[in-house]
Amino acid sequence: MAWLFGRKKDKIPPASSKLDGKLITYAVRREATGELVIGKDGRICAATEQLELRFSDGSVPFACPISTMEYGELMSHNGVLITGDDTVTGNRVTVVAYYKYYR
């Protein structure tokens, strides 16, 4: 009977399954002076051990290992906030990627 009244454990899905393939309209990098747009019209790629933001012009301005990454979806559910060790710049970076919205 314990299974009947037992509490279900909260499971957080890994970034590779939740974020991989999401289309984004644009992404910004948070800095001390404000936010800087790093790309427009792209996709989140998290199929390997590394999460990357790839844009239509072929650039990859942000890439970090999934093991060092922290992420959380925005309250409006129209984007994701990612903090991780950026392999492009070599610093710990916070990026906000806004999802593409289809009607």
N, C-alpha and C. Protein backbone atom coordinates (compact mmCIF):
# COMPACT_ATOMS: atom_id res chain seq x y z
N MET A 1 0.81 -1.20 0.00
CA MET A 1 0.00 0.00 0.00
C MET A 1 0.85 1.26 0.00
N ALA A 2 2.12 1.14 0.32
CA ALA A 2 2.97 2.34 0.39
C ALA A 2 3.10 2.99 -0.98
N TRP A 3 3.04 2.19 -2.04
CA TRP A 3 3.16 2.77 -3.38
C TRP A 3 1.94 3.59 -3.75
N LEU A 4 0.81 3.28 -3.12
CA LEU A 4 -0.41 3.99 -3.42
C LEU A 4 -0.40 5.42 -2.88
N PHE A 5 0.14 5.59 -1.68
CA PHE A 5 0.15 6.90 -1.05
C PHE A 5 1.53 7.54 -1.05
N GLY A 6 2.51 6.86 -1.61
CA GLY A 6 3.87 7.40 -1.65
C GLY A 6 3.96 8.61 -2.56
N ARG A 7 4.90 9.46 -2.26
CA ARG A 7 5.10 10.67 -3.05
C ARG A 7 5.97 10.36 -4.25
N LYS A 8 5.59 10.88 -5.37
CA LYS A 8 6.35 10.68 -6.60
C LYS A 8 7.58 11.59 -6.58
N LYS A 9 8.72 11.04 -6.89
CA LYS A 9 9.95 11.83 -6.90
C LYS A 9 9.97 12.74 -8.12
N ASP A 10 10.38 13.99 -7.90
CA ASP A 10 10.50 14.93 -9.00
C ASP A 10 11.74 14.57 -9.82
N LYS A 11 11.55 14.40 -11.10
CA LYS A 11 12.67 14.07 -11.98
C LYS A 11 12.89 15.24 -12.92
N ILE A 12 14.10 15.74 -12.94
CA ILE A 12 14.45 16.82 -13.85
C ILE A 12 15.05 16.18 -15.09
N PRO A 13 14.46 16.41 -16.26
CA PRO A 13 15.00 15.78 -17.47
C PRO A 13 16.36 16.37 -17.81
N PRO A 14 17.25 15.58 -18.36
CA PRO A 14 18.56 16.11 -18.75
C PRO A 14 18.42 17.14 -19.86
N ALA A 15 19.39 18.03 -19.93
CA ALA A 15 19.36 19.12 -20.91
C ALA A 15 19.33 18.59 -22.32
N SER A 16 19.98 17.47 -22.55
CA SER A 16 20.04 16.94 -23.90
C SER A 16 18.66 16.56 -24.44
N SER A 17 17.78 16.08 -23.58
CA SER A 17 16.47 15.68 -24.07
C SER A 17 15.48 16.84 -24.07
N LYS A 18 15.60 17.77 -23.14
CA LYS A 18 14.63 18.86 -23.04
C LYS A 18 14.93 20.00 -24.01
N LEU A 19 16.20 20.34 -24.20
CA LEU A 19 16.56 21.51 -24.99
C LEU A 19 16.96 21.22 -26.42
N ASP A 20 17.37 20.00 -26.70
CA ASP A 20 17.89 19.69 -28.03
C ASP A 20 16.84 19.91 -29.12
N GLY A 21 17.22 20.67 -30.13
CA GLY A 21 16.35 20.90 -31.27
C GLY A 21 15.42 22.09 -31.14
N LYS A 22 15.42 22.78 -30.01
CA LYS A 22 14.54 23.94 -29.85
C LYS A 22 15.00 25.05 -30.79
N LEU A 23 14.06 25.63 -31.53
CA LEU A 23 14.35 26.76 -32.40
C LEU A 23 14.30 28.04 -31.58
N ILE A 24 15.23 28.95 -31.85
CA ILE A 24 15.28 30.21 -31.10
C ILE A 24 15.28 31.39 -32.06
N THR A 25 14.60 32.47 -31.65
CA THR A 25 14.57 33.68 -32.47
C THR A 25 15.86 34.46 -32.29
N TYR A 26 16.29 34.61 -31.05
CA TYR A 26 17.57 35.29 -30.79
C TYR A 26 18.08 34.90 -29.42
N ALA A 27 19.34 35.20 -29.15
CA ALA A 27 19.96 34.91 -27.87
C ALA A 27 20.80 36.10 -27.44
N VAL A 28 20.83 36.35 -26.14
CA VAL A 28 21.62 37.45 -25.58
C VAL A 28 22.55 36.90 -24.51
N ARG A 29 23.71 37.55 -24.38
CA ARG A 29 24.66 37.22 -23.32
C ARG A 29 24.59 38.33 -22.28
N ARG A 30 24.44 37.96 -21.03
CA ARG A 30 24.36 38.94 -19.95
C ARG A 30 25.77 39.33 -19.53
N GLU A 31 25.99 40.63 -19.47
CA GLU A 31 27.26 41.19 -19.04
C GLU A 31 27.01 42.21 -17.95
N ALA A 32 28.07 42.74 -17.37
CA ALA A 32 27.94 43.72 -16.29
C ALA A 32 27.28 45.02 -16.78
N THR A 33 27.49 45.36 -18.05
CA THR A 33 26.94 46.60 -18.60
C THR A 33 25.54 46.43 -19.18
N GLY A 34 25.07 45.22 -19.33
CA GLY A 34 23.75 44.97 -19.90
C GLY A 34 23.73 43.67 -20.68
N GLU A 35 22.87 43.61 -21.67
CA GLU A 35 22.75 42.41 -22.50
C GLU A 35 23.24 42.69 -23.91
N LEU A 36 23.94 41.72 -24.49
CA LEU A 36 24.50 41.84 -25.83
C LEU A 36 23.91 40.73 -26.69
N VAL A 37 23.30 41.09 -27.81
CA VAL A 37 22.73 40.09 -28.72
C VAL A 37 23.87 39.34 -29.40
N ILE A 38 23.86 38.01 -29.27
CA ILE A 38 24.95 37.21 -29.84
C ILE A 38 24.53 36.47 -31.11
N GLY A 39 23.22 36.44 -31.41
CA GLY A 39 22.78 35.79 -32.63
C GLY A 39 21.28 35.79 -32.77
N LYS A 40 20.83 35.65 -34.03
CA LYS A 40 19.40 35.61 -34.33
C LYS A 40 19.11 34.42 -35.24
N ASP A 41 17.91 33.86 -35.08
CA ASP A 41 17.42 32.78 -35.92
C ASP A 41 18.33 31.56 -35.87
N GLY A 42 18.18 30.78 -34.80
CA GLY A 42 19.06 29.63 -34.64
C GLY A 42 18.39 28.45 -33.98
N ARG A 43 19.22 27.58 -33.41
CA ARG A 43 18.75 26.33 -32.82
C ARG A 43 19.68 25.96 -31.66
N ILE A 44 19.11 25.27 -30.66
CA ILE A 44 19.90 24.74 -29.55
C ILE A 44 20.27 23.31 -29.91
N CYS A 45 21.55 22.99 -29.88
CA CYS A 45 22.04 21.65 -30.19
C CYS A 45 22.66 21.05 -28.92
N ALA A 46 22.04 20.01 -28.39
CA ALA A 46 22.54 19.38 -27.17
C ALA A 46 22.59 17.87 -27.32
N ALA A 47 22.83 17.38 -28.52
CA ALA A 47 22.82 15.95 -28.78
C ALA A 47 24.10 15.27 -28.29
N THR A 48 25.19 16.01 -28.15
CA THR A 48 26.45 15.43 -27.70
C THR A 48 26.69 15.82 -26.24
N GLU A 49 27.91 15.72 -25.77
CA GLU A 49 28.26 16.10 -24.40
C GLU A 49 28.36 17.60 -24.22
N GLN A 50 28.11 18.35 -25.28
CA GLN A 50 28.27 19.80 -25.26
C GLN A 50 27.01 20.46 -25.82
N LEU A 51 26.54 21.51 -25.15
CA LEU A 51 25.40 22.27 -25.63
C LEU A 51 25.92 23.44 -26.45
N GLU A 52 25.35 23.65 -27.62
CA GLU A 52 25.78 24.74 -28.51
C GLU A 52 24.58 25.53 -28.97
N LEU A 53 24.77 26.82 -29.16
CA LEU A 53 23.78 27.68 -29.81
C LEU A 53 24.29 27.92 -31.22
N ARG A 54 23.59 27.38 -32.22
CA ARG A 54 23.99 27.52 -33.62
C ARG A 54 23.00 28.43 -34.32
N PHE A 55 23.53 29.35 -35.12
CA PHE A 55 22.67 30.32 -35.80
C PHE A 55 22.75 30.15 -37.30
N SER A 56 21.79 30.77 -38.02
CA SER A 56 21.65 30.56 -39.46
C SER A 56 22.85 31.05 -40.25
N ASP A 57 23.63 31.97 -39.70
CA ASP A 57 24.81 32.45 -40.42
C ASP A 57 26.02 31.53 -40.23
N GLY A 58 25.83 30.42 -39.50
CA GLY A 58 26.89 29.44 -39.31
C GLY A 58 27.72 29.66 -38.06
N SER A 59 27.43 30.68 -37.28
CA SER A 59 28.22 30.97 -36.09
C SER A 59 27.77 30.14 -34.90
N VAL A 60 28.71 29.88 -34.00
CA VAL A 60 28.45 29.20 -32.73
C VAL A 60 29.07 30.07 -31.63
N PRO A 61 28.34 31.12 -31.18
CA PRO A 61 28.92 32.05 -30.21
C PRO A 61 28.93 31.54 -28.78
N PHE A 62 28.22 30.44 -28.49
CA PHE A 62 28.18 29.89 -27.13
C PHE A 62 28.17 28.38 -27.20
N ALA A 63 29.08 27.76 -26.45
CA ALA A 63 29.14 26.30 -26.34
C ALA A 63 29.69 25.98 -24.96
N CYS A 64 29.06 25.05 -24.27
CA CYS A 64 29.54 24.67 -22.94
C CYS A 64 29.26 23.19 -22.70
N PRO A 65 30.09 22.53 -21.88
CA PRO A 65 29.85 21.13 -21.55
C PRO A 65 28.57 21.01 -20.72
N ILE A 66 27.77 20.01 -21.00
CA ILE A 66 26.51 19.83 -20.29
C ILE A 66 26.75 19.54 -18.82
N SER A 67 27.88 18.94 -18.49
CA SER A 67 28.17 18.60 -17.09
C SER A 67 28.40 19.84 -16.23
N THR A 68 28.82 20.96 -16.81
CA THR A 68 29.07 22.19 -16.03
C THR A 68 27.96 23.21 -16.18
N MET A 69 26.88 22.83 -16.84
CA MET A 69 25.83 23.78 -17.18
C MET A 69 24.69 23.75 -16.17
N GLU A 70 24.11 24.93 -15.93
CA GLU A 70 22.88 25.06 -15.16
C GLU A 70 21.88 25.77 -16.06
N TYR A 71 20.63 25.33 -16.03
CA TYR A 71 19.64 25.97 -16.88
C TYR A 71 18.29 26.00 -16.19
N GLY A 72 17.47 26.93 -16.64
CA GLY A 72 16.11 27.03 -16.13
C GLY A 72 15.25 27.75 -17.14
N GLU A 73 14.04 27.26 -17.31
CA GLU A 73 13.14 27.88 -18.26
C GLU A 73 12.58 29.17 -17.68
N LEU A 74 12.35 30.16 -18.52
CA LEU A 74 11.78 31.42 -18.07
C LEU A 74 10.35 31.19 -17.61
N MET A 75 9.87 32.05 -16.72
CA MET A 75 8.51 31.89 -16.19
C MET A 75 7.45 32.00 -17.28
N SER A 76 7.74 32.75 -18.32
CA SER A 76 6.80 32.91 -19.43
C SER A 76 6.83 31.71 -20.38
N HIS A 77 7.76 30.78 -20.19
CA HIS A 77 7.95 29.59 -21.02
C HIS A 77 8.29 29.94 -22.47
N ASN A 78 8.85 31.13 -22.70
CA ASN A 78 9.23 31.48 -24.07
C ASN A 78 10.74 31.54 -24.23
N GLY A 79 11.49 30.95 -23.31
CA GLY A 79 12.94 30.94 -23.43
C GLY A 79 13.59 30.17 -22.29
N VAL A 80 14.91 30.15 -22.32
CA VAL A 80 15.68 29.43 -21.31
C VAL A 80 16.90 30.26 -20.92
N LEU A 81 17.24 30.21 -19.64
CA LEU A 81 18.42 30.88 -19.10
C LEU A 81 19.48 29.81 -18.86
N ILE A 82 20.64 29.97 -19.49
CA ILE A 82 21.71 28.97 -19.41
C ILE A 82 22.96 29.63 -18.83
N THR A 83 23.54 29.01 -17.81
CA THR A 83 24.80 29.47 -17.25
C THR A 83 25.79 28.31 -17.33
N GLY A 84 26.96 28.59 -17.90
CA GLY A 84 27.94 27.52 -18.05
C GLY A 84 29.31 28.04 -18.41
N ASP A 85 30.29 27.15 -18.38
CA ASP A 85 31.67 27.49 -18.75
C ASP A 85 31.76 27.50 -20.26
N ASP A 86 31.80 28.68 -20.83
CA ASP A 86 31.81 28.85 -22.29
C ASP A 86 33.17 28.45 -22.84
N THR A 87 33.17 27.50 -23.79
CA THR A 87 34.43 27.08 -24.40
C THR A 87 34.90 28.06 -25.47
N VAL A 88 34.02 28.95 -25.92
CA VAL A 88 34.40 29.95 -26.93
C VAL A 88 35.19 31.07 -26.29
N THR A 89 34.69 31.62 -25.17
CA THR A 89 35.37 32.74 -24.51
C THR A 89 36.26 32.30 -23.36
N GLY A 90 36.01 31.12 -22.79
CA GLY A 90 36.81 30.64 -21.67
C GLY A 90 36.33 31.16 -20.32
N ASN A 91 35.19 31.82 -20.27
CA ASN A 91 34.65 32.38 -19.03
C ASN A 91 33.34 31.70 -18.67
N ARG A 92 32.91 31.93 -17.44
CA ARG A 92 31.56 31.48 -17.03
C ARG A 92 30.58 32.53 -17.53
N VAL A 93 29.63 32.11 -18.34
CA VAL A 93 28.76 33.03 -19.07
C VAL A 93 27.30 32.68 -18.80
N THR A 94 26.45 33.72 -18.77
CA THR A 94 25.00 33.53 -18.68
C THR A 94 24.39 33.99 -19.99
N VAL A 95 23.58 33.11 -20.59
CA VAL A 95 22.96 33.37 -21.88
C VAL A 95 21.46 33.15 -21.74
N VAL A 96 20.68 34.01 -22.39
CA VAL A 96 19.23 33.82 -22.47
C VAL A 96 18.88 33.58 -23.92
N ALA A 97 18.25 32.44 -24.21
CA ALA A 97 17.82 32.10 -25.57
C ALA A 97 16.29 32.12 -25.59
N TYR A 98 15.72 32.89 -26.50
CA TYR A 98 14.28 33.02 -26.61
C TYR A 98 13.76 32.11 -27.72
N TYR A 99 12.80 31.25 -27.36
CA TYR A 99 12.24 30.28 -28.31
C TYR A 99 11.47 30.97 -29.43
N LYS A 100 11.44 30.29 -30.57
CA LYS A 100 10.61 30.75 -31.69
C LYS A 100 9.19 30.33 -31.40
N TYR A 101 8.24 31.21 -31.64
CA TYR A 101 6.84 30.97 -31.33
C TYR A 101 6.05 30.77 -32.61
N TYR A 102 5.34 29.67 -32.68
CA TYR A 102 4.48 29.40 -33.83
C TYR A 102 3.03 29.43 -33.39
N ARG A 103 2.17 29.97 -34.22
CA ARG A 103 0.74 29.98 -33.90
C ARG A 103 0.03 28.87 -34.60
